[in-house]
Amino acid sequence: MSDHSDTTTHRTAPQKTPGRTPSPWHAGEVRLQEILGVDARMEEVGRKVLRDHIIEQHRLFYPQLPFAVLGTVDGDGNPWATLRANRPGFLFASDPTHLSVSLPRDKSDPADAGMNDGDAIGLLGIELHTRRRNRLNGTISRRNETYFDIKVGHSFGNCPKYIHPRNLEFATDVKSPIQSGTALTDDIRDFIARSDTFFIASYVDNAAPDRGREVDVSHRGGPPGFVTLDDQDTLIIPDYAGNRFFNTLGNLLINPLTGLVFVDFTNGNMLQITGTAEIIMGGAMVTQFVGAERLLNITPSRWVLRRGAFPMRMAGVAEG
């Protein structure tokens, strides 16, 4: 997994160098970079790759996409991750600092509660068959019930590591009744255990001067079963070497609230979870996972299962 802490929070803002703009990283990201001794290098990298606008390459990329991953925060402060699909062209950059999004409201999606005018949002544009992806966050300016703009806060590319290539196509959208709960059922545990991909949302409030709420959503991948569960229904996720941005884990170091979404691409079933995270930096538990640098433990507080909610399927795979 390409995004990456000790369990102590570090809330002070990164130091400013006279004559330079503030660091692009917030205190949580900097703390993790310091632990690994890469903070000086990542300070320079961040100034090059974290932009307040969408570069032309990404402005051309977004209109190709038939779906996007969104991270939002509901009225109770719970983060949610979701996948929303529409025909290519539903995402387009009206100018370098705004991404326009054409999506109808969906009250069955718990993430929809955080898509109101003025809400902070994170977005991941990802093309599974080419493994390309680009992330941005910003603030919603809602025009109507089917259309909103995102004023870009940060925009940056990501490496394709751990993305499983998939060819997807639109299918007849057959939805079933929604299930939800707090304790994980056997069906929910099985859904998680057989997954090779999920997406994770996180956020911080006022991480640095002149910055309000920032929401991030990112990809995690591994072999089927890479997410395990213990007897207390805690999700245990190995975290491997990556780009050292620490957008997700840096957020969770400051604010442990998180949202996950798992998708079964053969039938469109989507499992959304909101809960709290703990970062395990080392010790015997980490060494049980070959190659892991740390662990991310997620304790669910609520889950929602929406069968057939994602309208795309693996090409050539029958709906189930």
C-alpha atoms as a PDB file:
ATOM      1  CA  MET A   1       0.000   0.000   0.000  1.00  0.00           C
ATOM      2  CA  SER A   2       1.426   3.277  -1.066  1.00  0.00           C
ATOM      3  CA  ASP A   3       0.211   5.670   1.584  1.00  0.00           C
ATOM      4  CA  HIS A   4       1.332   5.636   5.024  1.00  0.00           C
ATOM      5  CA  SER A   5       3.409   6.659  12.932  1.00  0.00           C
ATOM      6  CA  ASP A   6       3.528   6.406  16.224  1.00  0.00           C
ATOM      7  CA  THR A   7       0.333   6.509  18.209  1.00  0.00           C
ATOM      8  CA  THR A   8       1.228   9.881  19.711  1.00  0.00           C
ATOM      9  CA  THR A   9      -0.357  12.987  18.255  1.00  0.00           C
ATOM     10  CA  HIS A  10       1.791  15.867  17.151  1.00  0.00           C
ATOM     11  CA  ARG A  11      -0.402  18.935  16.821  1.00  0.00           C
ATOM     12  CA  THR A  12       2.006  21.804  16.395  1.00  0.00           C
ATOM     13  CA  ALA A  13       2.181  23.315  12.927  1.00  0.00           C
ATOM     14  CA  PRO A  14       5.278  22.654  10.797  1.00  0.00           C
ATOM     15  CA  GLN A  15       7.959  25.330  11.125  1.00  0.00           C
ATOM     16  CA  LYS A  16       8.222  28.059   8.519  1.00  0.00           C
ATOM     17  CA  THR A  17      11.483  29.058   6.953  1.00  0.00           C
ATOM     18  CA  PRO A  18      11.851  32.832   6.513  1.00  0.00           C
ATOM     19  CA  GLY A  19      11.123  33.818   2.935  1.00  0.00           C
ATOM     20  CA  ARG A  20       9.364  30.540   2.103  1.00  0.00           C
ATOM     21  CA  THR A  21       5.699  29.706   1.854  1.00  0.00           C
ATOM     22  CA  PRO A  22       4.314  27.409   4.591  1.00  0.00           C
ATOM     23  CA  SER A  23       5.070  23.714   4.314  1.00  0.00           C
ATOM     24  CA  PRO A  24       2.655  21.795   2.070  1.00  0.00           C
ATOM     25  CA  TRP A  25       2.517  19.069   4.747  1.00  0.00           C
ATOM     26  CA  HIS A  26       0.571  19.310   7.976  1.00  0.00           C
ATOM     27  CA  ALA A  27       1.922  18.318  11.387  1.00  0.00           C
ATOM     28  CA  GLY A  28       0.758  14.697  11.260  1.00  0.00           C
ATOM     29  CA  GLU A  29       2.418  14.057   7.908  1.00  0.00           C
ATOM     30  CA  VAL A  30       5.610  15.788   9.060  1.00  0.00           C
ATOM     31  CA  ARG A  31       5.722  13.733  12.266  1.00  0.00           C
ATOM     32  CA  LEU A  32       5.723  10.452  10.340  1.00  0.00           C
ATOM     33  CA  GLN A  33       8.309  11.737   7.886  1.00  0.00           C
ATOM     34  CA  GLU A  34      10.488  12.721  10.867  1.00  0.00           C
ATOM     35  CA  ILE A  35      10.217   9.239  12.370  1.00  0.00           C
ATOM     36  CA  LEU A  36      11.647   7.781   9.153  1.00  0.00           C
ATOM     37  CA  GLY A  37      14.228  10.534   8.756  1.00  0.00           C
ATOM     38  CA  VAL A  38      12.866  11.710   5.397  1.00  0.00           C
ATOM     39  CA  ASP A  39      11.282  15.001   6.474  1.00  0.00           C
ATOM     40  CA  ALA A  40      13.868  17.272   4.815  1.00  0.00           C
ATOM     41  CA  ARG A  41      13.657  15.431   1.515  1.00  0.00           C
ATOM     42  CA  MET A  42       9.851  15.247   1.597  1.00  0.00           C
ATOM     43  CA  GLU A  43       9.665  18.977   2.308  1.00  0.00           C
ATOM     44  CA  GLU A  44      11.282  19.594  -1.076  1.00  0.00           C
ATOM     45  CA  VAL A  45       9.285  16.883  -2.817  1.00  0.00           C
ATOM     46  CA  GLY A  46       6.025  18.275  -1.423  1.00  0.00           C
ATOM     47  CA  ARG A  47       6.746  21.736  -2.769  1.00  0.00           C
ATOM     48  CA  LYS A  48       7.106  20.241  -6.252  1.00  0.00           C
ATOM     49  CA  VAL A  49       4.218  17.768  -6.386  1.00  0.00           C
ATOM     50  CA  LEU A  50       1.469  19.201  -4.131  1.00  0.00           C
ATOM     51  CA  ARG A  51      -0.245  21.864  -6.201  1.00  0.00           C
ATOM     52  CA  ASP A  52      -3.184  24.202  -5.646  1.00  0.00           C
ATOM     53  CA  HIS A  53      -4.337  23.600  -9.214  1.00  0.00           C
ATOM     54  CA  ILE A  54      -4.895  20.775 -11.702  1.00  0.00           C
ATOM     55  CA  ILE A  55      -2.123  20.451 -14.259  1.00  0.00           C
ATOM     56  CA  GLU A  56      -3.003  19.919 -17.919  1.00  0.00           C
ATOM     57  CA  GLN A  57      -2.134  16.210 -17.835  1.00  0.00           C
ATOM     58  CA  HIS A  58      -4.710  15.652 -15.101  1.00  0.00           C
ATOM     59  CA  ARG A  59      -7.256  17.993 -16.693  1.00  0.00           C
ATOM     60  CA  LEU A  60      -7.151  15.631 -19.686  1.00  0.00           C
ATOM     61  CA  PHE A  61      -7.268  12.553 -17.445  1.00  0.00           C
ATOM     62  CA  TYR A  62     -10.450  13.233 -15.474  1.00  0.00           C
ATOM     63  CA  PRO A  63     -12.917  13.345 -18.416  1.00  0.00           C
ATOM     64  CA  GLN A  64     -11.838   9.807 -19.396  1.00  0.00           C
ATOM     65  CA  LEU A  65     -13.043   8.301 -16.126  1.00  0.00           C
ATOM     66  CA  PRO A  66     -16.359   6.463 -15.667  1.00  0.00           C
ATOM     67  CA  PHE A  67     -16.174   6.577 -11.857  1.00  0.00           C
ATOM     68  CA  ALA A  68     -14.403   8.319  -8.990  1.00  0.00           C
ATOM     69  CA  VAL A  69     -13.750   7.581  -5.331  1.00  0.00           C
ATOM     70  CA  LEU A  70     -15.026  10.241  -2.928  1.00  0.00           C
ATOM     71  CA  GLY A  71     -14.286  10.890   0.720  1.00  0.00           C
ATOM     72  CA  THR A  72     -16.709  12.999   2.779  1.00  0.00           C
ATOM     73  CA  VAL A  73     -17.677  13.775   6.370  1.00  0.00           C
ATOM     74  CA  ASP A  74     -21.285  13.585   7.570  1.00  0.00           C
ATOM     75  CA  GLY A  75     -22.980  15.999   9.981  1.00  0.00           C
ATOM     76  CA  ASP A  76     -21.846  13.968  12.995  1.00  0.00           C
ATOM     77  CA  GLY A  77     -18.185  14.122  11.962  1.00  0.00           C
ATOM     78  CA  ASN A  78     -18.046  10.550  10.630  1.00  0.00           C
ATOM     79  CA  PRO A  79     -15.937  10.085   7.492  1.00  0.00           C
ATOM     80  CA  TRP A  80     -17.253   7.913   4.656  1.00  0.00           C
ATOM     81  CA  ALA A  81     -15.690   6.648   1.452  1.00  0.00           C
ATOM     82  CA  THR A  82     -17.721   5.794  -1.642  1.00  0.00           C
ATOM     83  CA  LEU A  83     -17.469   5.050  -5.353  1.00  0.00           C
ATOM     84  CA  ARG A  84     -19.748   6.991  -7.678  1.00  0.00           C
ATOM     85  CA  ALA A  85     -20.047   6.288 -11.406  1.00  0.00           C
ATOM     86  CA  ASN A  86     -21.344   8.135 -14.436  1.00  0.00           C
ATOM     87  CA  ARG A  87     -20.558   8.241 -18.120  1.00  0.00           C
ATOM     88  CA  PRO A  88     -17.082   9.573 -19.029  1.00  0.00           C
ATOM     89  CA  GLY A  89     -17.144  13.353 -19.053  1.00  0.00           C
ATOM     90  CA  PHE A  90     -18.930  13.636 -15.702  1.00  0.00           C
ATOM     91  CA  LEU A  91     -15.614  14.947 -14.317  1.00  0.00           C
ATOM     92  CA  PHE A  92     -13.991  17.892 -16.058  1.00  0.00           C
ATOM     93  CA  ALA A  93     -11.816  20.824 -15.079  1.00  0.00           C
ATOM     94  CA  SER A  94     -13.686  23.981 -15.946  1.00  0.00           C
ATOM     95  CA  ASP A  95     -10.434  25.835 -15.159  1.00  0.00           C
ATOM     96  CA  PRO A  96      -7.152  24.865 -13.451  1.00  0.00           C
ATOM     97  CA  THR A  97      -8.521  25.474  -9.929  1.00  0.00           C
ATOM     98  CA  HIS A  98     -11.950  23.832 -10.215  1.00  0.00           C
ATOM     99  CA  LEU A  99     -13.107  20.298 -10.956  1.00  0.00           C
ATOM    100  CA  SER A 100     -16.732  20.050 -12.037  1.00  0.00           C
ATOM    101  CA  VAL A 101     -18.637  16.924 -11.012  1.00  0.00           C
ATOM    102  CA  SER A 102     -21.925  15.768 -12.545  1.00  0.00           C
ATOM    103  CA  LEU A 103     -23.527  13.259 -10.166  1.00  0.00           C
ATOM    104  CA  PRO A 104     -27.100  12.996  -8.909  1.00  0.00           C
ATOM    105  CA  ARG A 105     -27.684  12.929  -5.151  1.00  0.00           C
ATOM    106  CA  ASP A 106     -28.021   9.431  -3.680  1.00  0.00           C
ATOM    107  CA  LYS A 107     -29.575   9.371  -0.218  1.00  0.00           C
ATOM    108  CA  SER A 108     -28.884   5.635   0.078  1.00  0.00           C
ATOM    109  CA  ASP A 109     -25.158   6.426   0.168  1.00  0.00           C
ATOM    110  CA  PRO A 110     -24.019   7.523   3.656  1.00  0.00           C
ATOM    111  CA  ALA A 111     -21.262   9.578   2.026  1.00  0.00           C
ATOM    112  CA  ASP A 112     -23.888  11.734   0.293  1.00  0.00           C
ATOM    113  CA  ALA A 113     -24.549  13.541   3.584  1.00  0.00           C
ATOM    114  CA  GLY A 114     -21.168  15.237   3.201  1.00  0.00           C
ATOM    115  CA  MET A 115     -21.740  16.509  -0.340  1.00  0.00           C
ATOM    116  CA  ASN A 116     -23.510  19.747   0.481  1.00  0.00           C
ATOM    117  CA  ASP A 117     -22.543  23.272  -0.470  1.00  0.00           C
ATOM    118  CA  GLY A 118     -19.454  24.347   1.475  1.00  0.00           C
ATOM    119  CA  ASP A 119     -18.471  20.822   2.555  1.00  0.00           C
ATOM    120  CA  ALA A 120     -14.878  19.645   2.311  1.00  0.00           C
ATOM    121  CA  ILE A 121     -14.323  16.633   0.052  1.00  0.00           C
ATOM    122  CA  GLY A 122     -11.526  14.347  -1.107  1.00  0.00           C
ATOM    123  CA  LEU A 123     -11.526  12.773  -4.575  1.00  0.00           C
ATOM    124  CA  LEU A 124      -9.443  10.032  -6.160  1.00  0.00           C
ATOM    125  CA  GLY A 125      -9.550   9.674  -9.911  1.00  0.00           C
ATOM    126  CA  ILE A 126      -8.367   6.164 -10.712  1.00  0.00           C
ATOM    127  CA  GLU A 127      -8.243   4.196 -13.956  1.00  0.00           C
ATOM    128  CA  LEU A 128      -7.979   0.555 -12.948  1.00  0.00           C
ATOM    129  CA  HIS A 129      -7.011  -0.937 -16.301  1.00  0.00           C
ATOM    130  CA  THR A 130      -4.029   1.459 -16.673  1.00  0.00           C
ATOM    131  CA  ARG A 131      -3.408   1.871 -12.910  1.00  0.00           C
ATOM    132  CA  ARG A 132      -3.220   5.658 -13.289  1.00  0.00           C
ATOM    133  CA  ARG A 133      -4.517   7.807 -10.465  1.00  0.00           C
ATOM    134  CA  ASN A 134      -4.691  11.392  -9.271  1.00  0.00           C
ATOM    135  CA  ARG A 135      -5.884  12.784  -5.958  1.00  0.00           C
ATOM    136  CA  LEU A 136      -7.286  16.121  -4.969  1.00  0.00           C
ATOM    137  CA  ASN A 137      -9.137  17.719  -2.118  1.00  0.00           C
ATOM    138  CA  GLY A 138     -11.089  20.917  -1.806  1.00  0.00           C
ATOM    139  CA  THR A 139     -14.425  22.525  -1.047  1.00  0.00           C
ATOM    140  CA  ILE A 140     -17.795  21.920  -2.700  1.00  0.00           C
ATOM    141  CA  SER A 141     -19.712  24.662  -4.443  1.00  0.00           C
ATOM    142  CA  ARG A 142     -23.039  23.004  -5.195  1.00  0.00           C
ATOM    143  CA  ARG A 143     -25.005  24.315  -8.152  1.00  0.00           C
ATOM    144  CA  ASN A 144     -27.991  21.953  -8.039  1.00  0.00           C
ATOM    145  CA  GLU A 145     -28.931  18.395  -7.075  1.00  0.00           C
ATOM    146  CA  THR A 146     -26.928  16.837  -9.897  1.00  0.00           C
ATOM    147  CA  TYR A 147     -23.913  19.099 -10.238  1.00  0.00           C
ATOM    148  CA  PHE A 148     -21.184  20.654  -8.105  1.00  0.00           C
ATOM    149  CA  ASP A 149     -17.720  22.164  -8.411  1.00  0.00           C
ATOM    150  CA  ILE A 150     -14.710  21.407  -6.224  1.00  0.00           C
ATOM    151  CA  LYS A 151     -12.428  24.372  -5.499  1.00  0.00           C
ATOM    152  CA  VAL A 152      -9.036  22.670  -5.422  1.00  0.00           C
ATOM    153  CA  GLY A 153      -6.984  22.793  -2.234  1.00  0.00           C
ATOM    154  CA  HIS A 154      -4.324  20.232  -3.206  1.00  0.00           C
ATOM    155  CA  SER A 155      -3.910  18.144  -6.358  1.00  0.00           C
ATOM    156  CA  PHE A 156      -1.214  15.537  -6.938  1.00  0.00           C
ATOM    157  CA  GLY A 157      -0.436  12.303  -8.751  1.00  0.00           C
ATOM    158  CA  ASN A 158       0.227   8.929  -7.112  1.00  0.00           C
ATOM    159  CA  CYS A 159       2.288   5.918  -8.096  1.00  0.00           C
ATOM    160  CA  PRO A 160       0.429   2.826  -9.406  1.00  0.00           C
ATOM    161  CA  LYS A 161       1.771   0.406  -6.766  1.00  0.00           C
ATOM    162  CA  TYR A 162      -0.640  -2.198  -5.371  1.00  0.00           C
ATOM    163  CA  ILE A 163      -3.431  -1.368  -7.862  1.00  0.00           C
ATOM    164  CA  HIS A 164      -5.003  -4.516  -9.328  1.00  0.00           C
ATOM    165  CA  PRO A 165      -5.723  -3.912 -13.043  1.00  0.00           C
ATOM    166  CA  ARG A 166      -9.390  -4.405 -13.909  1.00  0.00           C
ATOM    167  CA  ASN A 167     -11.485  -3.843 -17.005  1.00  0.00           C
ATOM    168  CA  LEU A 168     -14.903  -2.564 -16.007  1.00  0.00           C
ATOM    169  CA  GLU A 169     -18.055  -1.905 -17.985  1.00  0.00           C
ATOM    170  CA  PHE A 170     -21.473  -0.524 -17.146  1.00  0.00           C
ATOM    171  CA  ALA A 171     -24.139  -3.096 -16.370  1.00  0.00           C
ATOM    172  CA  THR A 172     -27.815  -3.105 -15.532  1.00  0.00           C
ATOM    173  CA  ASP A 173     -28.023  -1.640 -12.070  1.00  0.00           C
ATOM    174  CA  VAL A 174     -30.057  -4.023  -9.938  1.00  0.00           C
ATOM    175  CA  LYS A 175     -30.110  -2.852  -6.337  1.00  0.00           C
ATOM    176  CA  SER A 176     -31.258  -4.786  -3.295  1.00  0.00           C
ATOM    177  CA  PRO A 177     -32.405  -3.545   0.108  1.00  0.00           C
ATOM    178  CA  ILE A 178     -29.724  -1.838   2.174  1.00  0.00           C
ATOM    179  CA  GLN A 179     -28.366  -3.537   5.278  1.00  0.00           C
ATOM    180  CA  SER A 180     -26.589  -1.751   8.109  1.00  0.00           C
ATOM    181  CA  GLY A 181     -25.369  -2.485  11.587  1.00  0.00           C
ATOM    182  CA  THR A 182     -22.686  -2.017  14.211  1.00  0.00           C
ATOM    183  CA  ALA A 183     -21.399  -5.525  14.952  1.00  0.00           C
ATOM    184  CA  LEU A 184     -19.918  -7.328  11.945  1.00  0.00           C
ATOM    185  CA  THR A 185     -21.927 -10.311  10.716  1.00  0.00           C
ATOM    186  CA  ASP A 186     -20.366 -13.422   9.181  1.00  0.00           C
ATOM    187  CA  ASP A 187     -21.333 -12.148   5.705  1.00  0.00           C
ATOM    188  CA  ILE A 188     -19.599  -8.833   6.321  1.00  0.00           C
ATOM    189  CA  ARG A 189     -16.482 -10.538   7.659  1.00  0.00           C
ATOM    190  CA  ASP A 190     -16.396 -12.778   4.570  1.00  0.00           C
ATOM    191  CA  PHE A 191     -16.767  -9.749   2.284  1.00  0.00           C
ATOM    192  CA  ILE A 192     -13.728  -8.123   3.900  1.00  0.00           C
ATOM    193  CA  ALA A 193     -11.668 -11.323   4.011  1.00  0.00           C
ATOM    194  CA  ARG A 194     -11.930 -12.005   0.277  1.00  0.00           C
ATOM    195  CA  SER A 195     -11.251  -8.409  -0.842  1.00  0.00           C
ATOM    196  CA  ASP A 196      -8.031  -7.353  -2.547  1.00  0.00           C
ATOM    197  CA  THR A 197      -8.873  -3.643  -2.693  1.00  0.00           C
ATOM    198  CA  PHE A 198     -10.449  -0.977  -0.542  1.00  0.00           C
ATOM    199  CA  PHE A 199     -10.445   2.810  -0.309  1.00  0.00           C
ATOM    200  CA  ILE A 200      -9.970   4.842   2.861  1.00  0.00           C
ATOM    201  CA  ALA A 201     -11.162   8.344   3.807  1.00  0.00           C
ATOM    202  CA  SER A 202      -9.682  10.511   6.551  1.00  0.00           C
ATOM    203  CA  TYR A 203      -9.675  14.180   7.498  1.00  0.00           C
ATOM    204  CA  VAL A 204      -8.181  16.883   9.691  1.00  0.00           C
ATOM    205  CA  ASP A 205      -9.512  20.242  10.798  1.00  0.00           C
ATOM    206  CA  ASN A 206      -7.308  23.334  10.702  1.00  0.00           C
ATOM    207  CA  ALA A 207      -4.130  21.296  10.249  1.00  0.00           C
ATOM    208  CA  ALA A 208      -2.112  24.436   9.550  1.00  0.00           C
ATOM    209  CA  PRO A 209      -2.684  28.210   9.512  1.00  0.00           C
ATOM    210  CA  ASP A 210      -5.083  29.382   6.801  1.00  0.00           C
ATOM    211  CA  ARG A 211      -6.220  25.810   6.109  1.00  0.00           C
ATOM    212  CA  GLY A 212      -9.626  24.559   7.173  1.00  0.00           C
ATOM    213  CA  ARG A 213     -10.958  21.013   6.938  1.00  0.00           C
ATOM    214  CA  GLU A 214      -9.000  18.774   4.571  1.00  0.00           C
ATOM    215  CA  VAL A 215     -10.451  15.420   3.480  1.00  0.00           C
ATOM    216  CA  ASP A 216      -8.394  12.722   1.798  1.00  0.00           C
ATOM    217  CA  VAL A 217      -9.370   9.469   0.139  1.00  0.00           C
ATOM    218  CA  SER A 218      -6.857   6.910  -1.069  1.00  0.00           C
ATOM    219  CA  HIS A 219      -6.432   3.384  -2.399  1.00  0.00           C
ATOM    220  CA  ARG A 220      -5.198   0.278  -0.598  1.00  0.00           C
ATOM    221  CA  GLY A 221      -4.491  -3.036  -2.286  1.00  0.00           C
ATOM    222  CA  GLY A 222      -2.949  -6.426  -1.674  1.00  0.00           C
ATOM    223  CA  PRO A 223      -3.601 -10.120  -2.204  1.00  0.00           C
ATOM    224  CA  PRO A 224      -7.095 -11.392  -1.306  1.00  0.00           C
ATOM    225  CA  GLY A 225      -7.173 -11.698   2.456  1.00  0.00           C
ATOM    226  CA  PHE A 226      -4.588  -8.964   3.095  1.00  0.00           C
ATOM    227  CA  VAL A 227      -7.113  -7.397   5.496  1.00  0.00           C
ATOM    228  CA  THR A 228      -7.589  -9.702   8.475  1.00  0.00           C
ATOM    229  CA  LEU A 229      -9.987  -9.491  11.403  1.00  0.00           C
ATOM    230  CA  ASP A 230      -9.414 -10.376  15.029  1.00  0.00           C
ATOM    231  CA  ASP A 231     -11.952 -11.731  17.508  1.00  0.00           C
ATOM    232  CA  GLN A 232     -13.059  -8.193  18.426  1.00  0.00           C
ATOM    233  CA  ASP A 233     -13.939  -7.359  14.776  1.00  0.00           C
ATOM    234  CA  THR A 234     -10.898  -5.100  14.410  1.00  0.00           C
ATOM    235  CA  LEU A 235      -9.612  -4.864  10.842  1.00  0.00           C
ATOM    236  CA  ILE A 236      -5.822  -5.351  10.757  1.00  0.00           C
ATOM    237  CA  ILE A 237      -4.181  -3.856   7.675  1.00  0.00           C
ATOM    238  CA  PRO A 238      -0.450  -4.141   6.902  1.00  0.00           C
ATOM    239  CA  ASP A 239       1.138  -0.924   5.675  1.00  0.00           C
ATOM    240  CA  TYR A 240       4.064  -1.294   3.294  1.00  0.00           C
ATOM    241  CA  ALA A 241       6.750   1.057   1.983  1.00  0.00           C
ATOM    242  CA  GLY A 242       5.365   3.746  -0.285  1.00  0.00           C
ATOM    243  CA  ASN A 243       5.804   7.342  -1.351  1.00  0.00           C
ATOM    244  CA  ARG A 244       6.304   8.720   2.193  1.00  0.00           C
ATOM    245  CA  PHE A 245       3.570  11.301   1.700  1.00  0.00           C
ATOM    246  CA  PHE A 246       1.635   9.855   4.666  1.00  0.00           C
ATOM    247  CA  ASN A 247      -1.548  11.694   3.693  1.00  0.00           C
ATOM    248  CA  THR A 248      -3.800   9.048   5.212  1.00  0.00           C
ATOM    249  CA  LEU A 249      -1.736   8.099   8.239  1.00  0.00           C
ATOM    250  CA  GLY A 250      -0.784  11.717   8.884  1.00  0.00           C
ATOM    251  CA  ASN A 251      -4.482  12.564   9.080  1.00  0.00           C
ATOM    252  CA  LEU A 252      -5.161   9.588  11.338  1.00  0.00           C
ATOM    253  CA  LEU A 253      -2.328  10.565  13.657  1.00  0.00           C
ATOM    254  CA  ILE A 254      -4.184  13.805  14.372  1.00  0.00           C
ATOM    255  CA  ASN A 255      -7.768  12.552  13.955  1.00  0.00           C
ATOM    256  CA  PRO A 256      -8.332   8.767  14.219  1.00  0.00           C
ATOM    257  CA  LEU A 257     -11.776   8.818  12.577  1.00  0.00           C
ATOM    258  CA  THR A 258     -11.849   6.993   9.248  1.00  0.00           C
ATOM    259  CA  GLY A 259     -14.132   5.572   6.579  1.00  0.00           C
ATOM    260  CA  LEU A 260     -13.564   2.549   4.324  1.00  0.00           C
ATOM    261  CA  VAL A 261     -15.322   1.193   1.249  1.00  0.00           C
ATOM    262  CA  PHE A 262     -14.904  -2.315  -0.161  1.00  0.00           C
ATOM    263  CA  VAL A 263     -16.337  -3.190  -3.585  1.00  0.00           C
ATOM    264  CA  ASP A 264     -17.093  -6.549  -5.154  1.00  0.00           C
ATOM    265  CA  PHE A 265     -16.494  -5.738  -8.810  1.00  0.00           C
ATOM    266  CA  THR A 266     -18.261  -8.917  -9.965  1.00  0.00           C
ATOM    267  CA  ASN A 267     -21.676  -7.882  -8.646  1.00  0.00           C
ATOM    268  CA  GLY A 268     -21.432  -4.223  -7.631  1.00  0.00           C
ATOM    269  CA  ASN A 269     -21.900  -4.807  -3.903  1.00  0.00           C
ATOM    270  CA  MET A 270     -20.420  -2.027  -1.778  1.00  0.00           C
ATOM    271  CA  LEU A 271     -19.540  -2.272   1.898  1.00  0.00           C
ATOM    272  CA  GLN A 272     -18.981   1.057   3.658  1.00  0.00           C
ATOM    273  CA  ILE A 273     -17.552   1.266   7.172  1.00  0.00           C
ATOM    274  CA  THR A 274     -16.940   4.204   9.485  1.00  0.00           C
ATOM    275  CA  GLY A 275     -14.862   3.839  12.630  1.00  0.00           C
ATOM    276  CA  THR A 276     -11.619   4.694  14.377  1.00  0.00           C
ATOM    277  CA  ALA A 277      -8.016   3.870  13.544  1.00  0.00           C
ATOM    278  CA  GLU A 278      -4.914   3.035  15.562  1.00  0.00           C
ATOM    279  CA  ILE A 279      -1.438   3.058  14.020  1.00  0.00           C
ATOM    280  CA  ILE A 280       0.948   0.358  15.238  1.00  0.00           C
ATOM    281  CA  MET A 281       4.502   1.449  14.470  1.00  0.00           C
ATOM    282  CA  GLY A 282       6.396  -1.700  15.414  1.00  0.00           C
ATOM    283  CA  GLY A 283       6.721  -4.680  17.697  1.00  0.00           C
ATOM    284  CA  ALA A 284       5.845  -8.347  17.552  1.00  0.00           C
ATOM    285  CA  MET A 285       2.433  -7.749  15.980  1.00  0.00           C
ATOM    286  CA  VAL A 286       3.956  -5.948  12.965  1.00  0.00           C
ATOM    287  CA  THR A 287       6.609  -8.635  12.376  1.00  0.00           C
ATOM    288  CA  GLN A 288       3.848 -11.207  11.795  1.00  0.00           C
ATOM    289  CA  PHE A 289       3.112  -9.505   8.465  1.00  0.00           C
ATOM    290  CA  VAL A 290       5.923 -10.036   5.964  1.00  0.00           C
ATOM    291  CA  GLY A 291       7.092  -6.770   4.443  1.00  0.00           C
ATOM    292  CA  ALA A 292       4.878  -4.550   6.597  1.00  0.00           C
ATOM    293  CA  GLU A 293       6.458  -1.416   8.062  1.00  0.00           C
ATOM    294  CA  ARG A 294       3.524  -0.781  10.381  1.00  0.00           C
ATOM    295  CA  LEU A 295      -0.089  -1.784  10.885  1.00  0.00           C
ATOM    296  CA  LEU A 296      -3.323   0.113  10.687  1.00  0.00           C
ATOM    297  CA  ASN A 297      -6.031  -1.257  12.978  1.00  0.00           C
ATOM    298  CA  ILE A 298      -9.606  -0.154  12.283  1.00  0.00           C
ATOM    299  CA  THR A 299     -12.419  -0.554  14.830  1.00  0.00           C
ATOM    300  CA  PRO A 300     -15.780  -0.214  13.024  1.00  0.00           C
ATOM    301  CA  SER A 301     -18.567   1.777  14.637  1.00  0.00           C
ATOM    302  CA  ARG A 302     -21.106   1.350  11.806  1.00  0.00           C
ATOM    303  CA  TRP A 303     -21.318  -0.443   8.481  1.00  0.00           C
ATOM    304  CA  VAL A 304     -23.641  -0.154   5.477  1.00  0.00           C
ATOM    305  CA  LEU A 305     -23.958  -2.838   2.780  1.00  0.00           C
ATOM    306  CA  ARG A 306     -25.553  -1.725  -0.494  1.00  0.00           C
ATOM    307  CA  ARG A 307     -25.927  -4.643  -2.880  1.00  0.00           C
ATOM    308  CA  GLY A 308     -25.543  -3.799  -6.567  1.00  0.00           C
ATOM    309  CA  ALA A 309     -24.977  -0.127  -5.759  1.00  0.00           C
ATOM    310  CA  PHE A 310     -21.872   0.228  -7.936  1.00  0.00           C
ATOM    311  CA  PRO A 311     -23.146   0.094 -11.546  1.00  0.00           C
ATOM    312  CA  MET A 312     -19.925  -1.213 -13.111  1.00  0.00           C
ATOM    313  CA  ARG A 313     -18.794  -4.825 -13.314  1.00  0.00           C
ATOM    314  CA  MET A 314     -15.738  -6.767 -14.375  1.00  0.00           C
ATOM    315  CA  ALA A 315     -15.912  -7.113 -18.145  1.00  0.00           C
ATOM    316  CA  GLY A 316     -17.201 -10.542 -19.104  1.00  0.00           C
ATOM    317  CA  VAL A 317     -18.344 -11.439 -15.577  1.00  0.00           C
ATOM    318  CA  ALA A 318     -21.998 -12.240 -15.068  1.00  0.00           C
ATOM    319  CA  GLU A 319     -23.906 -10.304 -12.429  1.00  0.00           C
ATOM    320  CA  GLY A 320     -24.520 -12.129  -9.167  1.00  0.00           C
END
